[in-house]
C-alpha atoms as a PDB file:
ATOM      1  CA  MET A   1      60.469  20.652  29.750  1.00  0.00           C
ATOM      2  CA  THR A   2      56.230  20.424  29.554  1.00  0.00           C
ATOM      3  CA  VAL A   3      54.654  18.918  32.160  1.00  0.00           C
ATOM      4  CA  ILE A   4      50.924  17.623  31.407  1.00  0.00           C
ATOM      5  CA  ASP A   5      48.428  16.675  33.545  1.00  0.00           C
ATOM      6  CA  PRO A   6      47.347  13.697  34.017  1.00  0.00           C
ATOM      7  CA  ASN A   7      43.722  14.154  34.950  1.00  0.00           C
ATOM      8  CA  THR A   8      43.088  16.689  31.767  1.00  0.00           C
ATOM      9  CA  GLN A   9      45.020  14.317  29.410  1.00  0.00           C
ATOM     10  CA  THR A  10      42.980  12.032  30.634  1.00  0.00           C
ATOM     11  CA  ALA A  11      39.632  14.068  29.656  1.00  0.00           C
ATOM     12  CA  GLY A  12      41.595  15.347  26.487  1.00  0.00           C
ATOM     13  CA  TRP A  13      41.331  11.483  25.229  1.00  0.00           C
ATOM     14  CA  ALA A  14      38.325  10.504  26.652  1.00  0.00           C
ATOM     15  CA  ALA A  15      36.650  13.454  24.384  1.00  0.00           C
ATOM     16  CA  GLU A  16      38.584  12.553  21.745  1.00  0.00           C
ATOM     17  CA  THR A  17      37.282   9.114  21.948  1.00  0.00           C
ATOM     18  CA  GLU A  18      33.635  10.251  22.900  1.00  0.00           C
ATOM     19  CA  GLU A  19      33.888  12.491  19.524  1.00  0.00           C
ATOM     20  CA  GLU A  20      35.129   9.510  17.584  1.00  0.00           C
ATOM     21  CA  ASP A  21      31.886   7.154  18.815  1.00  0.00           C
ATOM     22  CA  ASP A  22      29.371   9.535  17.214  1.00  0.00           C
ATOM     23  CA  THR A  23      31.132  10.136  13.971  1.00  0.00           C
ATOM     24  CA  GLU A  24      31.513   6.301  13.310  1.00  0.00           C
ATOM     25  CA  ASP A  25      27.617   5.581  14.569  1.00  0.00           C
ATOM     26  CA  MET A  26      26.206   9.017  12.601  1.00  0.00           C
ATOM     27  CA  PRO A  27      26.600   6.977   9.202  1.00  0.00           C
ATOM     28  CA  LEU A  28      25.617   3.586  11.150  1.00  0.00           C
ATOM     29  CA  SER A  29      22.722   4.839  12.140  1.00  0.00           C
ATOM     30  CA  LEU A  30      21.737   6.567   8.248  1.00  0.00           C
ATOM     31  CA  ARG A  31      23.038   4.245   6.547  1.00  0.00           C
ATOM     32  CA  LEU A  32      20.546   2.318   3.954  1.00  0.00           C
ATOM     33  CA  SER A  33      20.001  -1.639   4.321  1.00  0.00           C
ATOM     34  CA  ILE A  34      18.554  -3.607   1.206  1.00  0.00           C
ATOM     35  CA  ALA A  35      15.127  -3.569   2.749  1.00  0.00           C
ATOM     36  CA  ASP A  36      15.572   0.184   2.630  1.00  0.00           C
ATOM     37  CA  THR A  37      16.621  -0.073  -0.605  1.00  0.00           C
ATOM     38  CA  LEU A  38      13.652  -1.790  -2.677  1.00  0.00           C
ATOM     39  CA  THR A  39      11.332   0.935   0.401  1.00  0.00           C
ATOM     40  CA  LEU A  40      12.813   3.681  -1.832  1.00  0.00           C
ATOM     41  CA  GLY A  41      11.649   1.392  -5.025  1.00  0.00           C
ATOM     42  CA  ASN A  42       7.775   1.742  -4.079  1.00  0.00           C
ATOM     43  CA  ALA A  43       8.793   5.201  -3.246  1.00  0.00           C
ATOM     44  CA  THR A  44       9.543   6.173  -6.543  1.00  0.00           C
ATOM     45  CA  CYS A  45       7.098   3.979  -8.333  1.00  0.00           C
ATOM     46  CA  GLY A  46       4.146   5.418  -6.102  1.00  0.00           C
ATOM     47  CA  PHE A  47       5.490   8.959  -7.716  1.00  0.00           C
ATOM     48  CA  MET A  48       5.598   7.559 -11.006  1.00  0.00           C
ATOM     49  CA  ALA A  49       2.343   6.685 -10.776  1.00  0.00           C
ATOM     50  CA  VAL A  50       1.651  10.454 -10.117  1.00  0.00           C
ATOM     51  CA  TYR A  51       2.995  11.642 -13.151  1.00  0.00           C
ATOM     52  CA  PHE A  52       1.690   9.492 -16.293  1.00  0.00           C
ATOM     53  CA  THR A  53      -1.699  10.173 -14.538  1.00  0.00           C
ATOM     54  CA  THR A  54      -0.801  14.049 -14.677  1.00  0.00           C
ATOM     55  CA  THR A  55       0.558  13.695 -18.388  1.00  0.00           C
ATOM     56  CA  GLY A  56      -1.503  11.034 -19.805  1.00  0.00           C
ATOM     57  CA  ILE A  57      -4.611  11.195 -18.824  1.00  0.00           C
ATOM     58  CA  LEU A  58      -5.016  15.058 -16.671  1.00  0.00           C
ATOM     59  CA  ILE A  59      -3.107  17.273 -19.345  1.00  0.00           C
ATOM     60  CA  PRO A  60      -4.572  15.259 -22.307  1.00  0.00           C
ATOM     61  CA  HIS A  61      -8.387  16.328 -21.121  1.00  0.00           C
ATOM     62  CA  LEU A  62      -7.559  19.455 -20.038  1.00  0.00           C
ATOM     63  CA  THR A  63      -5.681  20.861 -23.381  1.00  0.00           C
ATOM     64  CA  GLY A  64      -8.869  19.266 -25.476  1.00  0.00           C
ATOM     65  CA  SER A  65      -6.811  15.707 -26.857  1.00  0.00           C
ATOM     66  CA  ASP A  66      -8.535  13.540 -28.356  1.00  0.00           C
ATOM     67  CA  GLU A  67      -6.015  10.968 -27.867  1.00  0.00           C
ATOM     68  CA  THR A  68      -7.687   7.844 -26.428  1.00  0.00           C
ATOM     69  CA  GLY A  69      -4.567   5.932 -26.876  1.00  0.00           C
ATOM     70  CA  MET A  70      -2.426   8.137 -24.853  1.00  0.00           C
ATOM     71  CA  ALA A  71      -4.522   7.640 -22.090  1.00  0.00           C
ATOM     72  CA  ARG A  72      -5.109   4.044 -22.136  1.00  0.00           C
ATOM     73  CA  HIS A  73      -1.264   3.501 -21.970  1.00  0.00           C
ATOM     74  CA  SER A  74      -0.892   5.504 -19.408  1.00  0.00           C
ATOM     75  CA  ALA A  75      -3.544   4.998 -17.000  1.00  0.00           C
ATOM     76  CA  ALA A  76      -2.432   1.260 -17.864  1.00  0.00           C
ATOM     77  CA  THR A  77       1.640   2.721 -16.397  1.00  0.00           C
ATOM     78  CA  ALA A  78      -0.091   4.090 -13.382  1.00  0.00           C
ATOM     79  CA  VAL A  79      -1.711   1.507 -12.397  1.00  0.00           C
ATOM     80  CA  ILE A  80       1.349  -1.506 -13.370  1.00  0.00           C
ATOM     81  CA  LEU A  81       3.320   1.522 -11.030  1.00  0.00           C
ATOM     82  CA  MET A  82       1.620   0.752  -8.620  1.00  0.00           C
ATOM     83  CA  LEU A  83       1.214  -2.947  -8.543  1.00  0.00           C
ATOM     84  CA  CYS A  84       6.124  -2.624  -8.515  1.00  0.00           C
ATOM     85  CA  ALA A  85       4.951  -0.997  -5.558  1.00  0.00           C
ATOM     86  CA  ALA A  86       3.644  -3.202  -4.491  1.00  0.00           C
ATOM     87  CA  ILE A  87       5.856  -5.904  -5.557  1.00  0.00           C
ATOM     88  CA  PHE A  88       8.346  -3.838  -3.376  1.00  0.00           C
ATOM     89  CA  ASP A  89       6.664  -3.766  -0.400  1.00  0.00           C
ATOM     90  CA  LEU A  90       5.990  -7.167  -0.418  1.00  0.00           C
ATOM     91  CA  PHE A  91       9.992  -7.947  -0.796  1.00  0.00           C
ATOM     92  CA  ASP A  92      11.288  -5.152   1.560  1.00  0.00           C
ATOM     93  CA  GLY A  93       9.383  -7.132   4.388  1.00  0.00           C
ATOM     94  CA  LEU A  94      10.461 -10.440   3.546  1.00  0.00           C
ATOM     95  CA  VAL A  95      14.635  -9.095   2.933  1.00  0.00           C
ATOM     96  CA  ALA A  96      13.891  -7.207   6.104  1.00  0.00           C
ATOM     97  CA  ARG A  97      13.114  -9.849   7.880  1.00  0.00           C
ATOM     98  CA  LYS A  98      16.002 -12.246   6.069  1.00  0.00           C
ATOM     99  CA  LEU A  99      18.925  -9.900   6.675  1.00  0.00           C
ATOM    100  CA  ARG A 100      18.354  -6.925   8.662  1.00  0.00           C
ATOM    101  CA  SER A 101      16.607  -3.149   7.975  1.00  0.00           C
ATOM    102  CA  SER A 102      18.380   0.041   8.901  1.00  0.00           C
ATOM    103  CA  PRO A 103      16.482   2.109  11.983  1.00  0.00           C
ATOM    104  CA  MET A 104      14.649   3.890   9.669  1.00  0.00           C
ATOM    105  CA  GLY A 105      13.258   0.644   8.208  1.00  0.00           C
ATOM    106  CA  ALA A 106      10.004   1.161   9.385  1.00  0.00           C
ATOM    107  CA  GLU A 107       9.649   5.073   8.891  1.00  0.00           C
ATOM    108  CA  LEU A 108      10.585   4.794   5.339  1.00  0.00           C
ATOM    109  CA  ASP A 109       8.006   1.986   4.507  1.00  0.00           C
ATOM    110  CA  ASN A 110       5.248   3.946   6.014  1.00  0.00           C
ATOM    111  CA  LEU A 111       6.414   6.855   4.013  1.00  0.00           C
ATOM    112  CA  SER A 112       6.977   5.107   1.005  1.00  0.00           C
ATOM    113  CA  ASP A 113       3.088   3.923   1.786  1.00  0.00           C
ATOM    114  CA  LEU A 114       1.649   6.786   1.691  1.00  0.00           C
ATOM    115  CA  ILE A 115       2.529   7.147  -1.190  1.00  0.00           C
ATOM    116  CA  SER A 116       2.475   4.276  -3.641  1.00  0.00           C
ATOM    117  CA  PHE A 117      -0.717   3.365  -1.862  1.00  0.00           C
ATOM    118  CA  GLY A 118      -2.342   7.084  -0.768  1.00  0.00           C
ATOM    119  CA  LEU A 119      -1.818   9.295  -2.438  1.00  0.00           C
ATOM    120  CA  ALA A 120      -1.189   7.243  -5.634  1.00  0.00           C
ATOM    121  CA  PRO A 121      -4.480   5.576  -5.976  1.00  0.00           C
ATOM    122  CA  ALA A 122      -6.237   9.213  -4.078  1.00  0.00           C
ATOM    123  CA  TYR A 123      -5.098  11.074  -7.534  1.00  0.00           C
ATOM    124  CA  PHE A 124      -6.398   8.179  -9.786  1.00  0.00           C
ATOM    125  CA  VAL A 125      -9.806   8.858  -8.351  1.00  0.00           C
ATOM    126  CA  LEU A 126      -9.442  12.367  -8.223  1.00  0.00           C
ATOM    127  CA  VAL A 127      -8.374  12.524 -12.325  1.00  0.00           C
ATOM    128  CA  TYR A 128     -11.241  10.086 -12.488  1.00  0.00           C
ATOM    129  CA  GLY A 129     -13.698  12.482 -11.543  1.00  0.00           C
ATOM    130  CA  MET A 130     -12.098  14.663 -13.733  1.00  0.00           C
ATOM    131  CA  VAL A 131     -12.268  13.055 -16.930  1.00  0.00           C
ATOM    132  CA  ALA A 132     -14.872  10.399 -16.348  1.00  0.00           C
ATOM    133  CA  ASP A 133     -18.364  11.825 -18.033  1.00  0.00           C
ATOM    134  CA  ASP A 134     -21.173  11.117 -15.717  1.00  0.00           C
ATOM    135  CA  ALA A 135     -18.606  11.610 -12.906  1.00  0.00           C
ATOM    136  CA  HIS A 136     -18.857  14.678 -10.952  1.00  0.00           C
ATOM    137  CA  GLN A 137     -15.697  16.192  -9.769  1.00  0.00           C
ATOM    138  CA  ARG A 138     -16.191  17.740  -6.109  1.00  0.00           C
ATOM    139  CA  VAL A 139     -17.907  14.375  -5.144  1.00  0.00           C
ATOM    140  CA  SER A 140     -14.899  12.527  -6.259  1.00  0.00           C
ATOM    141  CA  ALA A 141     -12.142  15.007  -4.376  1.00  0.00           C
ATOM    142  CA  VAL A 142     -14.050  13.529  -0.999  1.00  0.00           C
ATOM    143  CA  ALA A 143     -13.681  10.282  -2.281  1.00  0.00           C
ATOM    144  CA  ALA A 144     -10.129  10.830  -3.510  1.00  0.00           C
ATOM    145  CA  ILE A 145      -9.898  12.482   0.531  1.00  0.00           C
ATOM    146  CA  VAL A 146     -11.419   9.395   1.931  1.00  0.00           C
ATOM    147  CA  VAL A 147      -9.138   7.682   0.121  1.00  0.00           C
ATOM    148  CA  LEU A 148      -5.827   9.508   1.614  1.00  0.00           C
ATOM    149  CA  LEU A 149      -7.134  10.254   5.077  1.00  0.00           C
ATOM    150  CA  ALA A 150      -8.193   5.853   5.442  1.00  0.00           C
ATOM    151  CA  VAL A 151      -4.777   5.034   4.160  1.00  0.00           C
ATOM    152  CA  VAL A 152      -3.185   7.488   6.624  1.00  0.00           C
ATOM    153  CA  LEU A 153      -5.135   6.260   9.699  1.00  0.00           C
ATOM    154  CA  ARG A 154      -4.286   3.219   8.660  1.00  0.00           C
ATOM    155  CA  LEU A 155      -0.324   3.103   8.273  1.00  0.00           C
ATOM    156  CA  ALA A 156      -0.811   5.063  11.667  1.00  0.00           C
ATOM    157  CA  ARG A 157      -2.672   2.636  13.809  1.00  0.00           C
ATOM    158  CA  PHE A 158      -0.583   0.051  12.721  1.00  0.00           C
ATOM    159  CA  SER A 159       2.905   2.023  13.784  1.00  0.00           C
ATOM    160  CA  CYS A 160       0.901   2.036  17.482  1.00  0.00           C
ATOM    161  CA  VAL A 161      -1.203  -1.662  17.916  1.00  0.00           C
ATOM    162  CA  THR A 162       0.857  -4.638  18.071  1.00  0.00           C
ATOM    163  CA  MET A 163      -1.586  -7.153  16.414  1.00  0.00           C
ATOM    164  CA  LYS A 164      -1.158 -11.021  16.970  1.00  0.00           C
ATOM    165  CA  ASP A 165       1.144 -12.558  14.171  1.00  0.00           C
ATOM    166  CA  GLY A 166       0.101 -12.997  10.877  1.00  0.00           C
ATOM    167  CA  VAL A 167      -2.206 -11.212  10.695  1.00  0.00           C
ATOM    168  CA  PHE A 168      -3.322  -7.584   9.970  1.00  0.00           C
ATOM    169  CA  GLN A 169      -6.060  -4.844  11.310  1.00  0.00           C
ATOM    170  CA  GLY A 170      -8.387  -3.402   8.941  1.00  0.00           C
ATOM    171  CA  MET A 171      -7.342  -3.735   4.258  1.00  0.00           C
ATOM    172  CA  PRO A 172      -4.063  -3.618   4.025  1.00  0.00           C
ATOM    173  CA  SER A 173      -3.286  -0.186   2.028  1.00  0.00           C
ATOM    174  CA  PRO A 174      -1.754  -1.838  -0.908  1.00  0.00           C
ATOM    175  CA  PHE A 175      -4.720  -4.609  -1.208  1.00  0.00           C
ATOM    176  CA  GLY A 176      -7.656  -1.602  -0.825  1.00  0.00           C
ATOM    177  CA  ALA A 177      -4.923   0.581  -3.215  1.00  0.00           C
ATOM    178  CA  LEU A 178      -5.138  -1.521  -5.917  1.00  0.00           C
ATOM    179  CA  THR A 179      -9.004  -2.479  -5.303  1.00  0.00           C
ATOM    180  CA  VAL A 180      -9.646   1.023  -5.234  1.00  0.00           C
ATOM    181  CA  VAL A 181      -7.878   1.878  -8.657  1.00  0.00           C
ATOM    182  CA  SER A 182      -9.839  -1.383 -10.218  1.00  0.00           C
ATOM    183  CA  ILE A 183     -13.003  -0.184  -8.596  1.00  0.00           C
ATOM    184  CA  VAL A 184     -12.378   3.000 -11.264  1.00  0.00           C
ATOM    185  CA  LEU A 185     -11.434   0.948 -13.945  1.00  0.00           C
ATOM    186  CA  LEU A 186     -14.138  -1.603 -14.110  1.00  0.00           C
ATOM    187  CA  GLU A 187     -16.283   1.949 -15.880  1.00  0.00           C
ATOM    188  CA  LEU A 188     -19.556   1.533 -13.949  1.00  0.00           C
ATOM    189  CA  PRO A 189     -21.944   4.214 -13.403  1.00  0.00           C
ATOM    190  CA  PHE A 190     -20.477   6.824 -10.575  1.00  0.00           C
ATOM    191  CA  ILE A 191     -22.546   6.002  -7.802  1.00  0.00           C
ATOM    192  CA  PRO A 192     -21.808   2.394  -7.508  1.00  0.00           C
ATOM    193  CA  THR A 193     -18.031   3.365  -8.315  1.00  0.00           C
ATOM    194  CA  LEU A 194     -18.455   6.212  -6.022  1.00  0.00           C
ATOM    195  CA  LEU A 195     -19.540   3.700  -2.837  1.00  0.00           C
ATOM    196  CA  ALA A 196     -17.725   0.983  -3.627  1.00  0.00           C
ATOM    197  CA  ILE A 197     -14.045   3.735  -3.257  1.00  0.00           C
ATOM    198  CA  ILE A 198     -15.774   4.952   0.296  1.00  0.00           C
ATOM    199  CA  GLY A 199     -16.333   0.915   1.538  1.00  0.00           C
ATOM    200  CA  THR A 200     -12.855  -0.036   0.598  1.00  0.00           C
ATOM    201  CA  ALA A 201     -11.148   2.988   2.354  1.00  0.00           C
ATOM    202  CA  TRP A 202     -13.665   1.994   5.623  1.00  0.00           C
ATOM    203  CA  LEU A 203     -12.745  -1.657   5.325  1.00  0.00           C
ATOM    204  CA  MET A 204      -9.231   0.264   5.381  1.00  0.00           C
ATOM    205  CA  VAL A 205      -9.597   1.546   9.078  1.00  0.00           C
ATOM    206  CA  SER A 206     -11.906  -1.915  10.139  1.00  0.00           C
ATOM    207  CA  ARG A 207     -11.113  -4.364  12.159  1.00  0.00           C
ATOM    208  CA  VAL A 208     -11.614  -6.807   9.949  1.00  0.00           C
ATOM    209  CA  GLU A 209      -8.342  -9.057   9.978  1.00  0.00           C
ATOM    210  CA  TYR A 210      -6.651 -10.111   6.921  1.00  0.00           C
ATOM    211  CA  PRO A 211      -3.716 -12.502   6.805  1.00  0.00           C
ATOM    212  CA  LYS A 212      -0.186 -11.514   6.069  1.00  0.00           C
ATOM    213  CA  PRO A 213       1.457 -12.745   2.539  1.00  0.00           C
ATOM    214  CA  ARG A 214       4.117 -14.872   3.893  1.00  0.00           C
ATOM    215  CA  GLY A 215       4.540 -18.511   2.226  1.00  0.00           C
ATOM    216  CA  VAL A 216       1.979 -20.288  -0.210  1.00  0.00           C
ATOM    217  CA  LEU A 217       0.251 -16.690  -0.101  1.00  0.00           C
ATOM    218  CA  ALA A 218       3.161 -14.205  -0.304  1.00  0.00           C
ATOM    219  CA  VAL A 219       3.420 -16.317  -4.399  1.00  0.00           C
ATOM    220  CA  ALA A 220       0.294 -16.574  -4.601  1.00  0.00           C
ATOM    221  CA  MET A 221      -0.079 -12.628  -4.436  1.00  0.00           C
ATOM    222  CA  LEU A 222       3.196 -12.055  -6.221  1.00  0.00           C
ATOM    223  CA  GLY A 223       1.774 -14.525  -9.159  1.00  0.00           C
ATOM    224  CA  TRP A 224      -1.650 -12.649  -9.009  1.00  0.00           C
ATOM    225  CA  ILE A 225       0.354  -9.012  -9.551  1.00  0.00           C
ATOM    226  CA  ILE A 226       2.223 -10.357 -12.437  1.00  0.00           C
ATOM    227  CA  SER A 227      -1.021 -11.204 -13.933  1.00  0.00           C
ATOM    228  CA  ALA A 228      -2.640  -8.415 -13.141  1.00  0.00           C
ATOM    229  CA  MET A 229       0.317  -6.715 -15.102  1.00  0.00           C
ATOM    230  CA  GLY A 230      -0.395  -8.945 -18.328  1.00  0.00           C
ATOM    231  CA  LEU A 231      -3.795  -8.198 -17.871  1.00  0.00           C
ATOM    232  CA  LEU A 232      -3.071  -4.426 -18.077  1.00  0.00           C
ATOM    233  CA  ALA A 233      -0.785  -4.716 -20.760  1.00  0.00           C
ATOM    234  CA  ALA A 234      -2.953  -6.330 -23.018  1.00  0.00           C
ATOM    235  CA  TRP A 235      -5.217  -3.391 -22.621  1.00  0.00           C
ATOM    236  CA  ALA A 236      -2.888  -1.119 -22.901  1.00  0.00           C
ATOM    237  CA  PHE A 237      -2.006  -2.085 -26.174  1.00  0.00           C
ATOM    238  CA  ASP A 238      -6.133  -2.847 -27.332  1.00  0.00           C
ATOM    239  CA  ALA A 239      -5.079  -6.290 -27.897  1.00  0.00           C
ATOM    240  CA  PRO A 240      -8.134  -8.926 -28.572  1.00  0.00           C
ATOM    241  CA  GLY A 241      -9.938  -8.767 -26.084  1.00  0.00           C
ATOM    242  CA  GLY A 242      -8.120  -7.431 -23.880  1.00  0.00           C
ATOM    243  CA  GLN A 243     -10.905  -5.048 -22.324  1.00  0.00           C
ATOM    244  CA  LEU A 244     -12.644  -8.508 -21.318  1.00  0.00           C
ATOM    245  CA  LEU A 245     -10.045  -9.464 -19.587  1.00  0.00           C
ATOM    246  CA  LEU A 246      -8.779  -6.050 -17.983  1.00  0.00           C
ATOM    247  CA  GLN A 247     -12.357  -6.181 -16.382  1.00  0.00           C
ATOM    248  CA  THR A 248     -12.676  -9.933 -15.535  1.00  0.00           C
ATOM    249  CA  GLY A 249      -9.006  -9.122 -13.681  1.00  0.00           C
ATOM    250  CA  CYS A 250     -10.573  -6.264 -11.787  1.00  0.00           C
ATOM    251  CA  ALA A 251     -13.793  -7.423 -10.869  1.00  0.00           C
ATOM    252  CA  LEU A 252     -11.335 -10.317  -9.392  1.00  0.00           C
ATOM    253  CA  GLN A 253      -9.949  -8.004  -7.864  1.00  0.00           C
ATOM    254  CA  VAL A 254     -13.207  -6.514  -5.993  1.00  0.00           C
ATOM    255  CA  VAL A 255     -15.079  -9.368  -5.581  1.00  0.00           C
ATOM    256  CA  LEU A 256     -11.247 -10.993  -2.843  1.00  0.00           C
ATOM    257  CA  GLY A 257     -11.696  -7.176  -1.797  1.00  0.00           C
ATOM    258  CA  ALA A 258     -14.617  -7.849  -0.844  1.00  0.00           C
ATOM    259  CA  VAL A 259     -14.573 -12.060   0.307  1.00  0.00           C
ATOM    260  CA  ILE A 260     -12.272 -11.377   2.743  1.00  0.00           C
ATOM    261  CA  PRO A 261     -14.133  -9.478   4.940  1.00  0.00           C
ATOM    262  CA  LEU A 262     -17.284 -11.947   5.143  1.00  0.00           C
ATOM    263  CA  PHE A 263     -14.703 -14.895   5.445  1.00  0.00           C
ATOM    264  CA  ALA A 264     -12.862 -12.996   8.584  1.00  0.00           C
ATOM    265  CA  THR A 265     -16.396 -12.207  10.393  1.00  0.00           C
ATOM    266  CA  ALA A 266     -17.292 -15.485   9.656  1.00  0.00           C
ATOM    267  CA  ARG A 267     -14.901 -17.248  11.054  1.00  0.00           C
ATOM    268  CA  ARG A 268     -14.865 -14.676  14.755  1.00  0.00           C
ATOM    269  CA  VAL A 269     -18.461 -15.526  14.572  1.00  0.00           C
ATOM    270  CA  ASN A 270     -17.783 -18.982  15.002  1.00  0.00           C
ATOM    271  CA  THR A 271     -15.149 -18.439  17.075  1.00  0.00           C
ATOM    272  CA  PHE A 272     -17.218 -16.347  19.098  1.00  0.00           C
ATOM    273  CA  ARG A 273     -19.847 -19.072  19.365  1.00  0.00           C
ATOM    274  CA  ASP A 274     -17.080 -22.134  20.602  1.00  0.00           C
ATOM    275  CA  ASN A 275     -16.199 -20.001  23.330  1.00  0.00           C
ATOM    276  CA  ARG A 276     -19.799 -19.348  24.603  1.00  0.00           C
ATOM    277  CA  ARG A 277     -20.327 -23.170  23.922  1.00  0.00           C
ATOM    278  CA  GLU A 278     -16.698 -24.493  26.134  1.00  0.00           C
ATOM    279  CA  ALA A 279     -17.671 -21.633  28.600  1.00  0.00           C
ATOM    280  CA  ARG A 280     -21.188 -23.510  29.149  1.00  0.00           C
ATOM    281  CA  ALA A 281     -20.245 -27.095  29.377  1.00  0.00           C
ATOM    282  CA  ALA A 282     -17.612 -25.677  31.830  1.00  0.00           C
ATOM    283  CA  SER A 283     -19.845 -23.309  33.574  1.00  0.00           C
ATOM    284  CA  GLN A 284     -22.913 -27.102  33.706  1.00  0.00           C
ATOM    285  CA  LEU A 285     -19.753 -29.156  35.306  1.00  0.00           C
ATOM    286  CA  HIS A 286     -18.804 -26.742  38.115  1.00  0.00           C
END
């Protein structure tokens, strides 16, 4: 007859139960949600943008190929992929709020944004400095590093600083990436291009407040992204007026990047003045 110690048996069952709980909890914590899948689509688009920039623009330039059409198609494809990444970034937040996100959601979002809106546009600037006739490769490399570090700092601050609801502090990285690429595609002289790129990088780490894309603003942003894809496609396939349409769209993107901070600054100044007036009026009453 086998004698079983009740204490030992209970402890054994408890240990088995804990092991089973740990085994069941691990897959749940690592399971991807729908929002996480969209976030991974963001990262994939960013990586493919780097791929097309390399194979379609940089390598033909280094090998002495004169296929300008291929470079135009690849540049358009790379930027369209960044726009697709922005769409994924727009929808993963909406889906996460409506449904749920895994514990990895925030980290996945930051890492994907770093690829699509940090590495991809910085690499685009670097390649521009290598292939453009009037560009300086080393200076362009410095500008690319500035863009990359600005996105890194912006994303790190976003994870640490709590802002009031409805606003971002600093230009959002998707908006900043598209502004940087638009500046390059405008094909301005090198010095103005360089200054505009550095200015955009500064806006990303600034304290200027930008509205979050929600509601009507999110729909407007989605419409703008789709319109930009159409402009890029027209330019890539050399449609009549495609070059002019693309430059107009890029100019509008740059203007938006410059105007929004002006409106935000003017609003902060007006709010500060109103607060001072209220404080003076209150002091006079007392």
